[in-house]
Protein backbone atom coordinates (compact mmCIF):
# COMPACT_ATOMS: atom_id res chain seq x y z
CA UNK A 1 -9.58 4.30 -17.16
CA UNK A 2 -6.82 6.58 -15.82
CA UNK A 3 -3.33 6.47 -17.28
CA UNK A 4 0.18 6.62 -15.84
CA UNK A 5 0.18 10.39 -15.64
CA UNK A 6 -3.24 10.89 -14.15
CA UNK A 7 -3.37 11.91 -10.47
CA UNK A 8 -4.46 9.54 -7.70
CA UNK A 9 -6.00 10.60 -4.40
CA UNK A 10 -5.77 8.31 -1.35
CA UNK A 11 -7.40 9.77 1.75
CA UNK A 12 -6.14 13.36 1.89
CA UNK A 13 -3.03 12.79 -0.26
CA UNK A 14 -3.06 13.42 -3.99
CA UNK A 15 -0.22 11.95 -6.08
CA UNK A 16 0.59 13.87 -9.23
CA UNK A 17 0.97 10.66 -11.27
CA UNK A 18 1.00 6.88 -10.73
CA UNK A 19 4.81 6.46 -10.62
CA UNK A 20 6.35 5.55 -7.27
CA UNK A 21 9.98 5.11 -6.26
CA UNK A 22 10.01 1.72 -4.57
CA UNK A 23 11.80 1.39 -1.20
CA UNK A 24 15.39 0.34 -1.93
CA UNK A 25 17.97 -0.16 0.86
CA UNK A 26 21.03 2.02 0.44
CA UNK A 27 23.02 0.46 3.32
CA UNK A 28 24.64 3.82 3.90
CA UNK A 29 23.42 5.03 7.33
CA UNK A 30 25.47 5.41 10.51
CA UNK A 31 23.65 4.67 13.74
CA UNK A 32 20.43 4.48 11.79
CA UNK A 33 20.66 8.15 10.74
CA UNK A 34 20.13 9.50 7.25
CA UNK A 35 22.96 11.53 5.74
CA UNK A 36 23.96 13.45 2.59
CA UNK A 37 23.84 10.28 0.45
CA UNK A 38 20.18 9.81 1.31
CA UNK A 39 19.44 13.50 0.72
CA UNK A 40 20.83 13.42 -2.77
CA UNK A 41 19.46 9.96 -3.60
CA UNK A 42 15.88 10.73 -2.64
CA UNK A 43 15.98 14.36 -3.69
CA UNK A 44 17.02 13.48 -7.24
CA UNK A 45 14.09 11.08 -7.60
CA UNK A 46 11.73 13.83 -6.49
CA UNK A 47 13.27 16.20 -9.05
CA UNK A 48 12.89 13.42 -11.60
CA UNK A 49 9.10 13.60 -11.46
CA UNK A 50 7.98 10.62 -9.37
CA UNK A 51 4.76 11.26 -7.43
CA UNK A 52 5.66 9.26 -4.32
CA UNK A 53 9.24 8.70 -3.17
CA UNK A 54 9.38 5.88 -0.64
CA UNK A 55 12.31 5.87 1.75
CA UNK A 56 13.96 2.48 2.11
CA UNK A 57 13.24 -0.17 4.76
CA UNK A 58 13.72 1.70 8.04
CA UNK A 59 14.17 -0.43 11.13
CA UNK A 60 11.92 0.05 14.12
CA UNK A 61 14.53 -1.41 16.49
CA UNK A 62 18.35 -1.67 16.28
CA UNK A 63 18.08 -5.47 16.19
CA UNK A 64 15.56 -5.21 13.36
CA UNK A 65 18.06 -3.84 10.87
CA UNK A 66 19.10 -5.98 7.91
CA UNK A 67 22.65 -4.63 8.24
CA UNK A 68 24.51 -2.30 10.59
CA UNK A 69 24.10 0.40 7.91
CA UNK A 70 20.31 0.48 7.67
CA UNK A 71 18.19 3.51 8.42
CA UNK A 72 16.25 3.47 11.67
CA UNK A 73 13.41 5.23 13.50
CA UNK A 74 13.81 3.79 16.97
CA UNK A 75 15.00 7.10 18.49
CA UNK A 76 13.87 10.73 18.27
CA UNK A 77 17.34 11.85 17.15
CA UNK A 78 16.71 10.05 13.84
CA UNK A 79 13.75 12.31 12.98
CA UNK A 80 15.44 15.52 11.86
CA UNK A 81 17.81 13.97 9.26
CA UNK A 82 14.72 12.44 7.63
CA UNK A 83 12.78 15.70 7.94
CA UNK A 84 15.53 17.42 5.93
CA UNK A 85 14.95 14.91 3.13
CA UNK A 86 11.18 15.34 3.38
CA UNK A 87 11.54 19.09 2.86
CA UNK A 88 13.53 18.54 -0.34
CA UNK A 89 11.03 16.02 -1.66
CA UNK A 90 8.08 18.32 -1.05
CA UNK A 91 9.91 21.31 -2.53
CA UNK A 92 10.01 19.36 -5.81
CA UNK A 93 6.40 18.13 -5.73
CA UNK A 94 6.87 14.55 -4.53
CA UNK A 95 4.92 13.04 -1.65
CA UNK A 96 7.33 11.64 0.99
CA UNK A 97 6.75 8.11 2.23
CA UNK A 98 8.70 5.63 4.33
CA UNK A 99 8.74 1.87 4.72
CA UNK A 100 8.90 0.63 8.33
CA UNK A 101 10.48 -2.77 8.82
CA UNK A 102 11.95 -5.43 11.06
CA UNK A 103 14.28 -7.97 9.49
CA UNK A 104 13.69 -10.79 11.99
CA UNK A 105 15.88 -13.79 11.21
CA UNK A 106 17.40 -12.02 8.20
CA UNK A 107 19.03 -9.37 10.41
CA UNK A 108 22.71 -8.63 11.10
CA UNK A 109 24.17 -9.20 7.63
CA UNK A 110 26.96 -7.53 5.71
CA UNK A 111 26.03 -5.17 2.89
CA UNK A 112 25.33 -6.86 -0.47
CA UNK A 113 28.55 -5.58 -2.04
CA UNK A 114 30.42 -7.08 0.96
CA UNK A 115 28.94 -10.51 0.42
CA UNK A 116 25.61 -10.24 2.28
CA UNK A 117 26.56 -12.98 4.78
CA UNK A 118 26.42 -12.65 8.56
CA UNK A 119 28.10 -9.55 9.93
CA UNK A 120 30.53 -10.35 12.76
CA UNK A 121 30.60 -8.32 15.96
CA UNK A 122 33.76 -6.43 14.93
CA UNK A 123 31.82 -5.14 11.90
CA UNK A 124 28.84 -4.01 13.93
CA UNK A 125 26.87 -7.26 13.81
CA UNK A 126 24.74 -8.69 16.64
CA UNK A 127 23.55 -12.14 17.59
CA UNK A 128 20.23 -11.45 19.35
CA UNK A 129 18.02 -11.76 16.26
CA UNK A 130 14.35 -12.70 16.53
CA UNK A 131 11.85 -14.81 14.62
CA UNK A 132 8.49 -16.51 15.19
CA UNK A 133 10.32 -19.86 15.31
CA UNK A 134 13.93 -20.70 16.08
CA UNK A 135 14.91 -21.62 12.53
CA UNK A 136 17.70 -19.89 10.54
CA UNK A 137 16.90 -18.44 7.12
CA UNK A 138 19.54 -20.58 5.42
CA UNK A 139 22.86 -22.34 6.02
CA UNK A 140 25.40 -19.91 7.39
CA UNK A 141 22.79 -17.55 8.83
CA UNK A 142 22.38 -16.93 12.56
CA UNK A 143 20.01 -19.03 14.64
CA UNK A 144 17.22 -16.70 15.80
CA UNK A 145 15.45 -16.74 19.14
CA UNK A 146 11.72 -17.51 19.08
CA UNK A 147 9.83 -14.44 20.22
CA UNK A 148 7.78 -14.70 23.40
CA UNK A 149 4.67 -12.65 24.06
CA UNK A 150 6.63 -9.83 25.68
CA UNK A 151 8.96 -9.63 22.64
CA UNK A 152 6.01 -9.55 20.23
CA UNK A 153 4.32 -6.81 22.26
CA UNK A 154 7.53 -4.80 22.31
CA UNK A 155 7.94 -4.98 18.51
CA UNK A 156 4.30 -4.05 17.89
CA UNK A 157 4.85 -0.96 20.04
CA UNK A 158 8.12 -0.21 18.21
CA UNK A 159 6.25 -0.05 14.90
CA UNK A 160 3.70 2.33 16.42
CA UNK A 161 6.43 4.53 17.92
CA UNK A 162 8.25 4.61 14.59
CA UNK A 163 5.01 5.72 12.89
CA UNK A 164 4.78 8.62 15.31
CA UNK A 165 8.35 9.60 14.49
CA UNK A 166 7.67 9.26 10.77
CA UNK A 167 4.89 11.80 11.09
CA UNK A 168 7.13 14.10 13.12
CA UNK A 169 9.57 13.95 10.19
CA UNK A 170 6.79 15.02 7.83
CA UNK A 171 6.15 11.69 6.09
CA UNK A 172 2.73 11.48 4.46
CA UNK A 173 2.62 7.77 3.58
CA UNK A 174 3.74 4.76 5.64
CA UNK A 175 4.31 1.35 4.17
CA UNK A 176 4.70 -1.65 6.49
CA UNK A 177 7.18 -4.22 5.21
CA UNK A 178 5.42 -7.62 5.36
CA UNK A 179 7.32 -9.13 2.43
CA UNK A 180 10.65 -10.60 1.31
CA UNK A 181 11.18 -12.94 4.24
CA UNK A 182 11.43 -10.27 6.94
CA UNK A 183 9.77 -10.57 10.33
CA UNK A 184 6.15 -9.99 9.46
CA UNK A 185 6.41 -12.31 6.45
CA UNK A 186 8.04 -14.91 8.71
CA UNK A 187 4.92 -14.91 10.89
CA UNK A 188 2.60 -15.18 7.84
CA UNK A 189 4.26 -18.18 6.21
CA UNK A 190 3.81 -21.69 7.64
CA UNK A 191 7.28 -22.47 6.33
CA UNK A 192 8.87 -20.11 8.83
CA UNK A 193 6.16 -20.02 11.51
CA UNK A 194 5.80 -23.30 13.36
CA UNK A 195 4.38 -21.88 16.56
CA UNK A 196 1.61 -23.63 18.47
CA UNK A 197 0.31 -20.54 20.31
CA UNK A 198 -2.10 -17.80 19.19
CA UNK A 199 0.43 -16.59 16.62
CA UNK A 200 0.91 -19.90 14.77
CA UNK A 201 -0.90 -22.71 13.02
CA UNK A 202 -4.15 -21.44 11.50
CA UNK A 203 -4.38 -18.60 8.99
CA UNK A 204 -6.15 -16.48 11.59
CA UNK A 205 -3.28 -16.97 14.04
CA UNK A 206 -0.48 -16.40 11.52
CA UNK A 207 -1.95 -13.04 10.42
CA UNK A 208 -2.48 -11.89 14.01
CA UNK A 209 0.97 -10.24 14.27
CA UNK A 210 0.58 -8.07 11.15
CA UNK A 211 -2.96 -7.09 12.12
CA UNK A 212 -1.78 -6.03 15.59
CA UNK A 213 0.93 -3.90 13.98
CA UNK A 214 -1.51 -2.33 11.52
CA UNK A 215 -3.95 -1.49 14.31
CA UNK A 216 -1.19 -0.08 16.54
CA UNK A 217 0.20 2.04 13.70
CA UNK A 218 -3.25 3.29 12.70
CA UNK A 219 -3.78 4.44 16.30
CA UNK A 220 -0.69 6.68 15.99
CA UNK A 221 -0.90 7.56 12.28
CA UNK A 222 -3.35 10.33 11.30
CA UNK A 223 -6.64 9.10 9.86
CA UNK A 224 -6.23 11.44 6.92
CA UNK A 225 -2.96 9.85 5.77
CA UNK A 226 -2.54 6.63 3.76
CA UNK A 227 -1.17 3.36 5.09
CA UNK A 228 0.29 0.78 2.68
CA UNK A 229 1.45 -2.79 3.26
CA UNK A 230 4.04 -4.52 1.09
CA UNK A 231 3.28 -8.22 0.85
CA UNK A 232 4.98 -11.20 -0.75
CA UNK A 233 1.98 -12.67 -2.50
CA UNK A 234 3.58 -16.11 -2.65
CA UNK A 235 6.62 -17.96 -1.30
CA UNK A 236 6.93 -19.76 -4.64
CA UNK A 237 7.16 -22.98 -2.57
CA UNK A 238 4.59 -25.69 -1.95
CA UNK A 239 3.05 -25.45 1.51
CA UNK A 240 4.00 -21.81 1.93
CA UNK A 241 2.21 -18.48 1.84
CA UNK A 242 0.25 -18.07 -1.40
CA UNK A 243 -1.99 -15.71 -3.37
CA UNK A 244 -5.23 -17.06 -1.93
CA UNK A 245 -4.05 -16.21 1.59
CA UNK A 246 -2.82 -12.86 0.35
CA UNK A 247 -6.27 -11.95 -0.96
CA UNK A 248 -7.90 -12.96 2.29
CA UNK A 249 -5.37 -10.96 4.32
CA UNK A 250 -5.91 -7.94 2.08
CA UNK A 251 -9.64 -8.03 2.90
CA UNK A 252 -8.85 -8.07 6.64
CA UNK A 253 -6.24 -5.32 6.40
CA UNK A 254 -8.60 -3.11 4.40
CA UNK A 255 -11.04 -3.33 7.32
CA UNK A 256 -8.17 -2.49 9.67
CA UNK A 257 -7.40 0.75 7.82
CA UNK A 258 -4.89 -0.21 5.14
CA UNK A 259 -5.36 1.68 1.85
CA UNK A 260 -3.06 -0.10 -0.60
CA UNK A 261 -1.35 -3.48 -0.96
CA UNK A 262 2.07 -3.30 -2.61
CA UNK A 263 2.27 -6.76 -4.20
CA UNK A 264 5.69 -8.36 -4.47
CA UNK A 265 6.70 -12.00 -3.88
CA UNK A 266 9.35 -14.39 -2.56
CA UNK A 267 12.22 -13.82 -0.19
CA UNK A 268 11.26 -16.23 2.60
CA UNK A 269 12.77 -19.42 1.13
CA UNK A 270 16.43 -19.26 0.22
CA UNK A 271 16.28 -21.56 -2.82
CA UNK A 272 12.83 -20.73 -4.19
CA UNK A 273 12.74 -20.36 -7.98
CA UNK A 274 11.02 -17.21 -9.23
CA UNK A 275 9.79 -17.02 -12.86
CA UNK A 276 11.54 -13.77 -13.62
CA UNK A 277 10.32 -11.79 -16.61
CA UNK A 278 8.90 -8.34 -17.44
CA UNK A 279 5.96 -7.62 -15.15
CA UNK A 280 6.01 -11.11 -13.66
CA UNK A 281 4.43 -9.96 -10.39
CA UNK A 282 1.74 -7.76 -11.89
CA UNK A 283 -0.89 -10.56 -11.87
CA UNK A 284 -0.70 -10.58 -8.08
CA UNK A 285 -1.60 -6.91 -7.89
CA UNK A 286 -4.42 -7.45 -10.38
CA UNK A 287 -5.92 -10.37 -8.49
CA UNK A 288 -5.72 -8.70 -5.07
CA UNK A 289 -7.27 -5.52 -6.49
CA UNK A 290 -10.12 -7.46 -8.09
CA UNK A 291 -10.89 -9.97 -5.36
CA UNK A 292 -10.17 -7.93 -2.20
CA UNK A 293 -11.51 -4.61 -3.47
CA UNK A 294 -8.44 -2.68 -2.34
CA UNK A 295 -6.00 -0.45 -4.24
CA UNK A 296 -2.77 -2.13 -5.24
CA UNK A 297 0.74 -1.31 -6.38
CA UNK A 298 2.48 -3.40 -9.06
CA UNK A 299 6.20 -4.21 -8.94
CA UNK A 300 8.67 -6.51 -10.66
CA UNK A 301 10.73 -5.74 -13.76
CA UNK A 302 8.61 -2.81 -14.82
CA UNK A 303 11.01 -0.83 -16.99
CA UNK A 304 9.14 0.55 -20.00
CA UNK A 305 6.80 3.55 -20.12
CA UNK A 306 4.22 1.87 -22.37
CA UNK A 307 4.28 -1.23 -20.16
CA UNK A 308 3.68 0.86 -17.04
CA UNK A 309 0.92 2.87 -18.67
CA UNK A 310 -0.85 -0.30 -19.85
CA UNK A 311 -0.79 -1.70 -16.28
CA UNK A 312 -2.64 1.39 -15.05
CA UNK A 313 -5.01 1.74 -18.02
CA UNK A 314 -5.84 -1.95 -17.89
CA UNK A 315 -6.98 -1.63 -14.28
CA UNK A 316 -4.35 -4.12 -13.14
CA UNK A 317 -2.99 -1.81 -10.42
CA UNK A 318 -3.38 1.72 -9.15
CA UNK A 319 0.33 2.51 -8.90
CA UNK A 320 3.55 1.18 -10.36
CA UNK A 321 6.58 1.01 -8.08
CA UNK A 322 9.92 1.10 -9.87
CA UNK A 323 13.14 0.00 -8.20
CA UNK A 324 16.24 -0.85 -10.24
CA UNK A 325 15.06 1.20 -13.17
CA UNK A 326 14.96 4.23 -10.87
CA UNK A 327 18.54 3.52 -9.81
CA UNK A 328 19.59 3.44 -13.44
CA UNK A 329 17.63 6.59 -14.28
CA UNK A 330 16.36 8.95 -11.55
CA UNK A 331 14.54 10.89 -14.28
CA UNK A 332 12.61 7.96 -15.67
CA UNK A 333 9.26 9.73 -15.12
CA UNK A 334 10.40 12.64 -17.32
CA UNK A 335 11.54 10.26 -20.02
CA UNK A 336 8.26 8.33 -19.77
CA UNK A 337 6.30 11.58 -20.08
CA UNK A 338 8.16 12.41 -23.27
CA UNK A 339 7.55 8.93 -24.70
CA UNK A 340 3.87 8.98 -23.81
CA UNK A 341 3.47 12.61 -24.95
CA UNK A 342 2.44 13.76 -21.49
CA UNK A 343 3.54 17.06 -19.92
CA UNK A 344 5.27 15.44 -16.95
CA UNK A 345 6.58 17.58 -14.09
CA UNK A 346 9.74 19.22 -15.34
CA UNK A 347 11.57 21.57 -12.96
CA UNK A 348 12.16 25.04 -14.36
CA UNK A 349 15.91 24.42 -14.48
CA UNK A 350 15.37 21.53 -16.91
CA UNK A 351 12.74 23.04 -19.19
CA UNK A 352 15.26 23.64 -21.95
CA UNK A 353 15.40 19.86 -22.34
CA UNK A 354 11.64 19.32 -22.09
CA UNK A 355 9.39 18.53 -25.08
CA UNK A 356 7.86 21.49 -26.79
CA UNK A 357 4.62 22.60 -25.18
CA UNK A 358 5.55 21.47 -21.67
CA UNK A 359 3.97 23.92 -19.23
CA UNK A 360 6.23 25.85 -16.89
CA UNK A 361 6.06 24.85 -13.22
CA UNK A 362 3.14 26.51 -11.45
CA UNK A 363 1.19 27.15 -14.65
CA UNK A 364 -2.23 25.66 -15.18
CA UNK A 365 -2.56 22.61 -17.40
């Protein structure tokens, strides 16, 4: 079995190892545009040796932002600031990816360090938020409007248009955000989707929205490039979305052109209790990989190099996606390479700190 530092090829894209920087919102954009913070943040993770650096949840419409400070790809002017970041990533050997998202009923909030509650109009907030059903996420959150067919069609098109812009920026992987209680997840879960039309009720109806998005994005996204979907494998609540439905959806999405399921959980029920612990979500990636026959990414309190390597060597997932650990240490892949006695991908400027025997950049290994 391959290990953490073995390459992985998906369609025409080869990742230099199995370590991915998970999408993590920075809440630092203005007008949806990336800036110097994003350049340094993502560039340092590429320098740090990750194979795939995934840009944070990027809204496909202004109303689909989580906060007024989210990145966006609803306008062509947002392409070049991202292209600048792509060029830095590729210069340092990382594959650039981006997560496309719509927050649905969890939109228009303050930044987490400002409380995370609803953002008022004088702080850039908006009231026209959308959902499959007119039910707020939790007490104190805005009441969303239930999307009609025209609204659904518009959002599906917005995802496809954002995919086209992502390619124009040079992105080589797209991940669709269907997790954590955002709009696509809201359609999937019977707890947040109480529609009686073709988008609600049965499993086949509740997955219709995400399948339409996948198909629309695939029509705009080059066949040679990978498409991922991040899924919440369970709502951790009785009567909600669960792992059995996740497996069945993964089978359908594979046929629709999805290459990898990024398996997270939760986020759709405000008071759900998650059994937090090291690698607590890895079993979801393992089950989806085994039963749906699709590549998976594992997430959730993966912090240790040996732990990450064992996930890959054990065939439990094809990639590990690190989030908070990458915030704490942008150079985690270099440290993991040292610990696992692998050469890693040290930039020439850092070779003086590399383990003995590390090959110089550009040399054959």
